[in-house]
């Protein structure tokens, strides 16, 4: 089953760059990014890449992508 954020990336013109960021998040390679904690959520963080926001949840065994969308729509998805 395809997740909604995977559909967004497939349609995006920046799909290769976003896939690189997603790979870094999943591999916990976050040194190059400004990681901001989300207010009101425990263990949820976001990374901004251009006008796109990537929200992820830090887990004990890695990170899980929650949502990927533009800054105008990302918080409506959650």
C-alpha atoms as a PDB file:
ATOM      1  CA  UNK A   1       0.000   0.000   0.000  1.00  0.00           C
ATOM      2  CA  UNK A   2       1.327   3.405  -0.960  1.00  0.00           C
ATOM      3  CA  UNK A   3       1.316   6.102   1.700  1.00  0.00           C
ATOM      4  CA  UNK A   4       0.032   9.576   0.872  1.00  0.00           C
ATOM      5  CA  UNK A   5       3.473  11.159   1.218  1.00  0.00           C
ATOM      6  CA  UNK A   6       4.898   8.682  -1.313  1.00  0.00           C
ATOM      7  CA  UNK A   7       2.240   9.808  -3.796  1.00  0.00           C
ATOM      8  CA  UNK A   8       3.202  13.442  -3.188  1.00  0.00           C
ATOM      9  CA  UNK A   9       6.867  12.709  -3.855  1.00  0.00           C
ATOM     10  CA  UNK A  10       6.044  10.749  -7.022  1.00  0.00           C
ATOM     11  CA  UNK A  11       4.203  13.791  -8.419  1.00  0.00           C
ATOM     12  CA  UNK A  12       6.778  16.352  -7.310  1.00  0.00           C
ATOM     13  CA  UNK A  13       9.327  17.895  -9.670  1.00  0.00           C
ATOM     14  CA  UNK A  14      11.904  17.648  -6.875  1.00  0.00           C
ATOM     15  CA  UNK A  15      11.387  13.922  -6.321  1.00  0.00           C
ATOM     16  CA  UNK A  16      15.073  12.945  -6.398  1.00  0.00           C
ATOM     17  CA  UNK A  17      16.097  15.607  -3.890  1.00  0.00           C
ATOM     18  CA  UNK A  18      13.182  14.723  -1.596  1.00  0.00           C
ATOM     19  CA  UNK A  19      14.010  11.031  -1.784  1.00  0.00           C
ATOM     20  CA  UNK A  20      17.546  11.897  -0.699  1.00  0.00           C
ATOM     21  CA  UNK A  21      16.239  13.787   2.326  1.00  0.00           C
ATOM     22  CA  UNK A  22      13.844  10.921   3.163  1.00  0.00           C
ATOM     23  CA  UNK A  23      16.748   8.479   2.968  1.00  0.00           C
ATOM     24  CA  UNK A  24      18.805  10.648   5.318  1.00  0.00           C
ATOM     25  CA  UNK A  25      15.920  10.804   7.793  1.00  0.00           C
ATOM     26  CA  UNK A  26      15.393   7.046   7.726  1.00  0.00           C
ATOM     27  CA  UNK A  27      19.141   6.445   8.194  1.00  0.00           C
ATOM     28  CA  UNK A  28      19.260   9.012  11.036  1.00  0.00           C
ATOM     29  CA  UNK A  29      21.786  11.161   9.141  1.00  0.00           C
ATOM     30  CA  UNK A  30      20.397  14.521  10.282  1.00  0.00           C
ATOM     31  CA  UNK A  31      23.621  16.511  10.705  1.00  0.00           C
ATOM     32  CA  UNK A  32      23.038  18.647   7.578  1.00  0.00           C
ATOM     33  CA  UNK A  33      19.444  19.623   8.396  1.00  0.00           C
ATOM     34  CA  UNK A  34      17.742  22.011  10.768  1.00  0.00           C
ATOM     35  CA  UNK A  35      15.457  19.703  12.737  1.00  0.00           C
ATOM     36  CA  UNK A  36      12.613  21.510  14.522  1.00  0.00           C
ATOM     37  CA  UNK A  37      10.408  19.792  17.157  1.00  0.00           C
ATOM     38  CA  UNK A  38       6.664  20.180  16.563  1.00  0.00           C
ATOM     39  CA  UNK A  39       4.739  21.924  19.303  1.00  0.00           C
ATOM     40  CA  UNK A  40       2.026  19.753  20.813  1.00  0.00           C
ATOM     41  CA  UNK A  41       3.451  16.457  19.557  1.00  0.00           C
ATOM     42  CA  UNK A  42       5.794  14.155  21.405  1.00  0.00           C
ATOM     43  CA  UNK A  43       8.739  12.850  19.347  1.00  0.00           C
ATOM     44  CA  UNK A  44       7.533  14.584  16.131  1.00  0.00           C
ATOM     45  CA  UNK A  45       9.967  16.777  14.203  1.00  0.00           C
ATOM     46  CA  UNK A  46      10.061  18.588  10.882  1.00  0.00           C
ATOM     47  CA  UNK A  47      12.627  19.426   8.260  1.00  0.00           C
ATOM     48  CA  UNK A  48      12.099  22.169   5.707  1.00  0.00           C
ATOM     49  CA  UNK A  49      13.364  21.700   2.163  1.00  0.00           C
ATOM     50  CA  UNK A  50      12.381  24.605  -0.090  1.00  0.00           C
ATOM     51  CA  UNK A  51       8.603  25.032   0.369  1.00  0.00           C
ATOM     52  CA  UNK A  52       8.161  21.400   1.366  1.00  0.00           C
ATOM     53  CA  UNK A  53       7.907  20.200   4.965  1.00  0.00           C
ATOM     54  CA  UNK A  54       8.832  16.663   5.972  1.00  0.00           C
ATOM     55  CA  UNK A  55       7.367  15.584   9.310  1.00  0.00           C
ATOM     56  CA  UNK A  56       8.802  12.505  10.977  1.00  0.00           C
ATOM     57  CA  UNK A  57       8.610  10.676  14.271  1.00  0.00           C
ATOM     58  CA  UNK A  58      11.718   9.585  16.135  1.00  0.00           C
ATOM     59  CA  UNK A  59      11.474   5.985  17.296  1.00  0.00           C
ATOM     60  CA  UNK A  60      13.895   3.867  19.290  1.00  0.00           C
ATOM     61  CA  UNK A  61      14.858   1.818  16.216  1.00  0.00           C
ATOM     62  CA  UNK A  62      14.917   4.667  13.678  1.00  0.00           C
ATOM     63  CA  UNK A  63      12.718   7.379  12.234  1.00  0.00           C
ATOM     64  CA  UNK A  64       9.283   7.073  10.631  1.00  0.00           C
ATOM     65  CA  UNK A  65       8.032   9.527   8.008  1.00  0.00           C
ATOM     66  CA  UNK A  66       4.606  10.881   8.958  1.00  0.00           C
ATOM     67  CA  UNK A  67       3.835  13.393   6.205  1.00  0.00           C
ATOM     68  CA  UNK A  68       5.387  15.267   3.273  1.00  0.00           C
ATOM     69  CA  UNK A  69       3.616  18.255   1.742  1.00  0.00           C
ATOM     70  CA  UNK A  70       3.873  21.990   1.134  1.00  0.00           C
ATOM     71  CA  UNK A  71       3.954  24.372   4.036  1.00  0.00           C
ATOM     72  CA  UNK A  72       0.352  25.372   3.329  1.00  0.00           C
ATOM     73  CA  UNK A  73      -1.046  21.828   3.465  1.00  0.00           C
ATOM     74  CA  UNK A  74       1.207  19.808   5.797  1.00  0.00           C
ATOM     75  CA  UNK A  75      -0.563  20.553   9.063  1.00  0.00           C
ATOM     76  CA  UNK A  76      -3.990  19.840   7.564  1.00  0.00           C
ATOM     77  CA  UNK A  77      -2.812  16.282   6.805  1.00  0.00           C
ATOM     78  CA  UNK A  78      -1.817  15.628  10.396  1.00  0.00           C
END
